[in-house]
Amino acid sequence: MSNNKFLIWGGKGWVAGHLEELLKKQGKEVYTTTVRMEDREAVKAELEKVKPTHVLNCAGSTGRPNVDWCEDNKEATMRSNVIGTMNLTDCCFQAGVHCTVFATGCIYHYDDEHPIGGKGFLETDLANFKGSFYSETKGHVEEIMKYYTNCLILRLRMPVSDDLHSRNFVTKISKYDRVVDIPNSNTILTDLLPASILMAEHNDTGVYNFTNPGAISHNEVLSLFKEIVRPDFTWKNFTVEEQSKVIKAGRSNCMLDTTKLENKLKEYNYTVPEVHEAYRKCFERMKANGVN
């Protein structure tokens, strides 16, 4: 494993930065690139130049400031999230390179079979959320990607870092005028990113729900944030119906079943904490680092 060489795609991105820092701390050989995934010749040239053993794909369009952007930029979203993602994975396959794709679990929505408080969605469940173009593209591309034998697909949801970076889910909801209060699966990066490196180094493939076990509501998150980080913080709620009047695209709300991930990580003696516990630890790290 010491001969592994990592190449992070989408190298200037938020998650990519955390991965690069983590790999360097682990003493791993790591490179980053901002080559467009849909540019086949440029992708092949980059792979030939760096000769990685592992590609970590953190690229793709999530929209700025949020996924509503994708509603008005469908072709650009397709070029990145579908054509680009497929092209990079295919080029890696042809070059004999393992490819980890940081995907999304925002392809599901609570339904009769998966009600709030009930069972979570499995990796094998078909995507049922078409409320945003972003989620629709992600659901479609995953269905095809899973046939690549060199590809590990990790479904993140509402990622959270130990700082208040603008891409942090907590930063986003703390700045909203009002928030809906629905339980969701979340990905605490400090807990999950080391697991992604472990899985890549073991050349794991297939689809994994990549979140902390369990679900936590927006109010529970903000209550912990208020308790630990910012005592004077206040917020207001509104309903999903009221929310729909101020956003272009719908938002996915769901809980992902993490049994498959937990069983795999047990093989490597790695444990991911339950989401409420994970958030408390995350906010305690924030406070210790002077973040408020």
Protein backbone atom coordinates (compact mmCIF):
# COMPACT_ATOMS: atom_id res chain seq x y z
CA MET A 1 0.00 0.00 0.00
CA SER A 2 2.97 2.35 0.55
CA ASN A 3 3.49 2.56 -3.22
CA ASN A 4 0.07 4.12 -3.75
CA LYS A 5 -0.07 7.42 -5.58
CA PHE A 6 -3.24 9.51 -5.27
CA LEU A 7 -4.58 12.02 -7.80
CA ILE A 8 -7.47 14.19 -6.60
CA TRP A 9 -9.78 15.49 -9.33
CA GLY A 10 -11.52 18.79 -8.65
CA GLY A 11 -8.40 19.78 -6.77
CA LYS A 12 -9.49 23.29 -5.79
CA GLY A 13 -12.72 22.08 -4.17
CA TRP A 14 -13.69 21.97 -0.51
CA VAL A 15 -13.75 18.19 0.02
CA ALA A 16 -10.66 17.85 -2.18
CA GLY A 17 -8.75 20.21 0.11
CA HIS A 18 -9.63 18.14 3.16
CA LEU A 19 -8.57 14.95 1.39
CA GLU A 20 -5.26 16.43 0.25
CA GLU A 21 -4.45 17.60 3.78
CA LEU A 22 -5.39 14.21 5.24
CA LEU A 23 -3.30 12.25 2.74
CA LYS A 24 -0.28 14.49 3.32
CA LYS A 25 -0.61 14.01 7.09
CA GLN A 26 -0.62 10.25 6.47
CA GLY A 27 2.60 10.61 4.48
CA LYS A 28 0.96 9.57 1.21
CA GLU A 29 2.02 10.71 -2.24
CA VAL A 30 -0.76 12.97 -3.48
CA TYR A 31 -1.38 15.24 -6.47
CA THR A 32 -4.33 17.41 -7.46
CA THR A 33 -5.74 18.51 -10.80
CA THR A 34 -8.38 20.86 -12.16
CA VAL A 35 -8.50 19.29 -15.63
CA ARG A 36 -12.10 19.19 -16.89
CA MET A 37 -13.46 15.66 -16.57
CA GLU A 38 -15.29 15.83 -19.91
CA ASP A 39 -12.09 16.62 -21.85
CA ARG A 40 -11.08 13.05 -22.73
CA GLU A 41 -7.68 13.81 -24.24
CA ALA A 42 -6.72 16.08 -21.33
CA VAL A 43 -7.86 13.46 -18.81
CA LYS A 44 -5.81 10.75 -20.53
CA ALA A 45 -2.79 13.07 -20.66
CA GLU A 46 -3.08 13.86 -16.93
CA LEU A 47 -3.32 10.18 -16.02
CA GLU A 48 -0.30 9.44 -18.19
CA LYS A 49 1.68 12.31 -16.66
CA VAL A 50 0.98 11.55 -12.98
CA LYS A 51 0.53 7.76 -13.31
CA PRO A 52 -1.62 7.46 -10.16
CA THR A 53 -2.67 4.16 -8.63
CA HIS A 54 -5.82 5.83 -7.27
CA VAL A 55 -8.00 8.70 -8.48
CA LEU A 56 -10.27 10.45 -5.98
CA ASN A 57 -13.00 12.24 -7.92
CA CYS A 58 -14.28 15.27 -5.99
CA ALA A 59 -15.25 17.22 -9.11
CA GLY A 60 -18.73 18.01 -10.41
CA SER A 61 -21.38 20.72 -10.42
CA THR A 62 -23.30 21.29 -7.21
CA GLY A 63 -24.15 24.88 -8.15
CA ARG A 64 -23.35 28.22 -6.57
CA PRO A 65 -24.69 29.23 -4.16
CA ASN A 66 -26.78 26.03 -4.19
CA VAL A 67 -28.36 23.38 -6.44
CA ASP A 68 -30.91 25.88 -7.79
CA TRP A 69 -28.11 26.92 -10.20
CA CYS A 70 -28.36 23.55 -11.93
CA GLU A 71 -32.01 24.22 -12.87
CA ASP A 72 -30.90 27.08 -15.14
CA ASN A 73 -27.69 25.41 -16.37
CA LYS A 74 -28.81 21.92 -17.35
CA GLU A 75 -26.31 21.38 -20.17
CA ALA A 76 -23.35 22.46 -18.05
CA THR A 77 -24.58 20.25 -15.21
CA MET A 78 -24.89 17.28 -17.60
CA ARG A 79 -21.44 17.92 -19.03
CA SER A 80 -19.88 17.77 -15.59
CA ASN A 81 -22.01 15.38 -13.55
CA VAL A 82 -22.82 12.83 -16.25
CA ILE A 83 -20.47 13.03 -19.25
CA GLY A 84 -17.45 14.14 -17.20
CA THR A 85 -17.91 11.64 -14.38
CA MET A 86 -18.39 8.78 -16.84
CA ASN A 87 -15.42 9.87 -18.95
CA LEU A 88 -13.01 10.07 -16.02
CA THR A 89 -14.10 6.67 -14.70
CA ASP A 90 -13.76 5.13 -18.16
CA CYS A 91 -10.29 6.61 -18.70
CA CYS A 92 -9.24 5.29 -15.28
CA PHE A 93 -10.61 1.86 -16.19
CA GLN A 94 -8.60 1.80 -19.43
CA ALA A 95 -5.47 2.90 -17.56
CA GLY A 96 -5.95 0.29 -14.81
CA VAL A 97 -6.49 2.95 -12.13
CA HIS A 98 -8.87 2.61 -9.17
CA CYS A 99 -11.41 5.47 -9.12
CA THR A 100 -13.30 6.65 -6.03
CA VAL A 101 -16.26 8.88 -6.83
CA PHE A 102 -17.56 11.17 -4.10
CA ALA A 103 -21.22 11.00 -5.07
CA THR A 104 -24.44 11.97 -3.30
CA GLY A 105 -27.19 10.29 -1.33
CA CYS A 106 -29.55 13.15 -2.26
CA ILE A 107 -31.26 10.86 -4.76
CA TYR A 108 -33.90 9.64 -2.30
CA HIS A 109 -36.89 11.09 -0.50
CA TYR A 110 -38.96 9.71 2.34
CA ASP A 111 -41.86 7.59 1.03
CA ASP A 112 -44.44 5.09 2.31
CA GLU A 113 -41.84 2.30 2.46
CA HIS A 114 -39.22 4.58 4.03
CA PRO A 115 -41.12 6.95 6.34
CA ILE A 116 -39.47 9.39 8.75
CA GLY A 117 -38.27 7.29 11.68
CA GLY A 118 -38.49 4.09 9.64
CA LYS A 119 -35.93 2.08 7.70
CA GLY A 120 -33.25 3.78 5.66
CA PHE A 121 -32.62 3.51 1.93
CA LEU A 122 -30.24 0.75 0.85
CA GLU A 123 -27.56 0.97 -1.83
CA THR A 124 -29.71 -1.31 -4.00
CA ASP A 125 -32.85 0.88 -3.84
CA LEU A 126 -33.63 2.77 -7.04
CA ALA A 127 -33.43 6.56 -6.82
CA ASN A 128 -36.89 8.00 -6.14
CA PHE A 129 -36.15 11.73 -5.90
CA LYS A 130 -36.48 13.79 -9.06
CA GLY A 131 -37.23 17.11 -7.35
CA SER A 132 -34.01 18.76 -8.57
CA PHE A 133 -32.09 18.44 -11.82
CA TYR A 134 -28.90 17.98 -9.82
CA SER A 135 -30.29 14.92 -8.02
CA GLU A 136 -31.78 13.55 -11.22
CA THR A 137 -28.41 13.60 -13.01
CA LYS A 138 -26.69 12.00 -10.02
CA GLY A 139 -29.26 9.20 -9.83
CA HIS A 140 -28.94 8.41 -13.53
CA VAL A 141 -25.15 8.38 -13.67
CA GLU A 142 -24.81 6.15 -10.61
CA GLU A 143 -26.98 3.49 -12.28
CA ILE A 144 -24.41 3.22 -15.09
CA MET A 145 -21.26 3.84 -13.07
CA LYS A 146 -21.81 0.85 -10.80
CA TYR A 147 -20.96 -1.51 -13.67
CA TYR A 148 -17.35 -0.29 -13.75
CA THR A 149 -15.18 -2.83 -11.93
CA ASN A 150 -12.60 -0.18 -10.94
CA CYS A 151 -15.09 2.21 -9.34
CA LEU A 152 -15.99 2.92 -5.70
CA ILE A 153 -19.05 5.15 -5.32
CA LEU A 154 -19.44 6.88 -1.95
CA ARG A 155 -22.76 8.64 -1.32
CA LEU A 156 -22.21 11.69 0.88
CA ARG A 157 -25.07 13.77 2.27
CA MET A 158 -25.04 17.29 3.70
CA PRO A 159 -21.29 17.21 4.47
CA VAL A 160 -20.00 18.91 7.61
CA SER A 161 -16.45 20.05 8.45
CA ASP A 162 -14.90 21.13 11.75
CA ASP A 163 -14.89 24.77 10.65
CA LEU A 164 -17.57 27.10 9.33
CA HIS A 165 -16.49 26.98 5.68
CA SER A 166 -19.16 28.29 3.29
CA ARG A 167 -19.72 24.78 1.87
CA ASN A 168 -20.31 23.30 5.33
CA PHE A 169 -23.95 22.21 5.76
CA VAL A 170 -24.06 23.79 9.23
CA THR A 171 -22.82 27.13 7.87
CA LYS A 172 -25.54 27.04 5.22
CA ILE A 173 -28.48 26.32 7.52
CA SER A 174 -27.20 28.73 10.21
CA LYS A 175 -27.48 31.56 7.66
CA TYR A 176 -30.96 30.75 6.38
CA ASP A 177 -33.83 32.94 7.55
CA ARG A 178 -35.82 29.79 8.26
CA VAL A 179 -35.13 26.05 8.13
CA VAL A 180 -37.31 22.97 7.77
CA ASP A 181 -37.05 20.49 10.63
CA ILE A 182 -36.72 17.04 9.07
CA PRO A 183 -34.35 14.19 10.09
CA ASN A 184 -31.62 13.48 7.54
CA SER A 185 -28.46 11.47 7.12
CA ASN A 186 -25.33 13.64 7.33
CA THR A 187 -21.64 13.11 6.54
CA ILE A 188 -19.18 14.41 9.15
CA LEU A 189 -16.00 14.67 7.08
CA THR A 190 -13.60 14.10 9.99
CA ASP A 191 -15.21 10.68 10.54
CA LEU A 192 -15.73 9.60 6.94
CA LEU A 193 -12.82 10.90 4.84
CA PRO A 194 -10.23 8.63 6.52
CA ALA A 195 -12.58 5.73 5.74
CA SER A 196 -12.64 6.72 2.06
CA ILE A 197 -8.85 6.44 1.89
CA LEU A 198 -8.93 3.06 3.63
CA MET A 199 -11.50 1.75 1.15
CA ALA A 200 -9.62 3.13 -1.85
CA GLU A 201 -6.36 1.57 -0.68
CA HIS A 202 -8.10 -1.79 -0.33
CA ASN A 203 -9.44 -1.32 -3.88
CA ASP A 204 -13.04 -1.68 -2.73
CA THR A 205 -15.65 -1.17 -5.42
CA GLY A 206 -19.42 -0.74 -5.68
CA VAL A 207 -21.86 1.66 -4.05
CA TYR A 208 -21.79 2.64 -0.36
CA ASN A 209 -24.02 4.96 1.64
CA PHE A 210 -21.31 7.22 3.07
CA THR A 211 -22.85 8.92 6.08
CA ASN A 212 -22.75 8.63 9.84
CA PRO A 213 -25.26 6.05 11.10
CA GLY A 214 -28.71 7.38 11.93
CA ALA A 215 -30.52 10.63 11.10
CA ILE A 216 -30.60 14.03 12.77
CA SER A 217 -33.05 16.90 12.30
CA HIS A 218 -32.08 20.48 11.47
CA ASN A 219 -33.35 21.64 14.87
CA GLU A 220 -31.25 19.02 16.65
CA VAL A 221 -28.17 20.16 14.72
CA LEU A 222 -28.79 23.83 15.47
CA SER A 223 -29.60 23.10 19.14
CA LEU A 224 -26.20 21.41 19.55
CA PHE A 225 -24.57 24.28 17.64
CA LYS A 226 -26.17 26.77 20.03
CA GLU A 227 -25.26 24.70 23.10
CA ILE A 228 -21.59 24.19 22.23
CA VAL A 229 -20.44 26.79 19.69
CA ARG A 230 -22.66 29.89 19.64
CA PRO A 231 -24.84 30.36 22.77
CA ASP A 232 -26.64 33.45 21.40
CA PHE A 233 -27.70 31.71 18.15
CA THR A 234 -31.42 31.72 17.24
CA TRP A 235 -33.37 30.37 14.29
CA LYS A 236 -36.89 29.97 12.95
CA ASN A 237 -38.63 27.07 11.21
CA PHE A 238 -40.96 26.81 8.27
CA THR A 239 -42.76 23.98 6.51
CA VAL A 240 -41.66 22.15 3.36
CA GLU A 241 -44.61 23.83 1.60
CA GLU A 242 -43.42 27.28 2.69
CA GLN A 243 -39.85 26.40 1.67
CA SER A 244 -40.97 25.38 -1.82
CA LYS A 245 -42.10 28.96 -2.48
CA VAL A 246 -38.58 30.37 -2.09
CA ILE A 247 -36.45 27.74 -3.91
CA LYS A 248 -36.39 26.64 -7.55
CA ALA A 249 -35.50 23.00 -6.96
CA GLY A 250 -36.84 20.60 -4.37
CA ARG A 251 -34.57 19.28 -1.63
CA SER A 252 -33.99 15.64 -0.80
CA ASN A 253 -34.84 14.50 2.74
CA CYS A 254 -33.97 10.92 3.63
CA MET A 255 -32.10 8.51 5.87
CA LEU A 256 -29.57 6.15 4.31
CA ASP A 257 -28.95 2.68 5.74
CA THR A 258 -25.23 2.42 6.62
CA THR A 259 -25.09 -1.31 7.47
CA LYS A 260 -23.04 -2.18 4.38
CA LEU A 261 -20.50 0.57 5.13
CA GLU A 262 -20.23 -0.32 8.82
CA ASN A 263 -19.65 -4.01 8.02
CA LYS A 264 -16.97 -3.18 5.45
CA LEU A 265 -15.14 -0.81 7.82
CA LYS A 266 -15.16 -3.43 10.59
CA GLU A 267 -12.78 -5.41 8.35
CA TYR A 268 -10.33 -2.53 8.78
CA ASN A 269 -11.07 -2.00 12.51
CA TYR A 270 -12.60 1.39 11.72
CA THR A 271 -15.79 2.67 13.34
CA VAL A 272 -17.96 5.64 12.35
CA PRO A 273 -19.83 7.27 15.26
CA GLU A 274 -23.63 7.69 15.27
CA VAL A 275 -24.67 11.05 13.88
CA HIS A 276 -25.78 12.74 17.14
CA GLU A 277 -22.56 11.72 18.88
CA ALA A 278 -20.57 12.73 15.79
CA TYR A 279 -22.10 16.21 15.70
CA ARG A 280 -21.40 16.77 19.40
CA LYS A 281 -17.74 15.84 18.86
CA CYS A 282 -17.57 17.99 15.73
CA PHE A 283 -18.89 21.06 17.54
CA GLU A 284 -16.57 20.40 20.48
CA ARG A 285 -13.62 20.39 18.03
CA MET A 286 -14.95 23.64 16.56
CA LYS A 287 -15.09 25.26 19.98
CA ALA A 288 -11.61 23.99 20.89
CA ASN A 289 -10.31 25.55 17.64
CA GLY A 290 -11.89 28.89 18.53
CA VAL A 291 -14.55 28.73 15.82
CA ASN A 292 -17.74 30.65 16.57
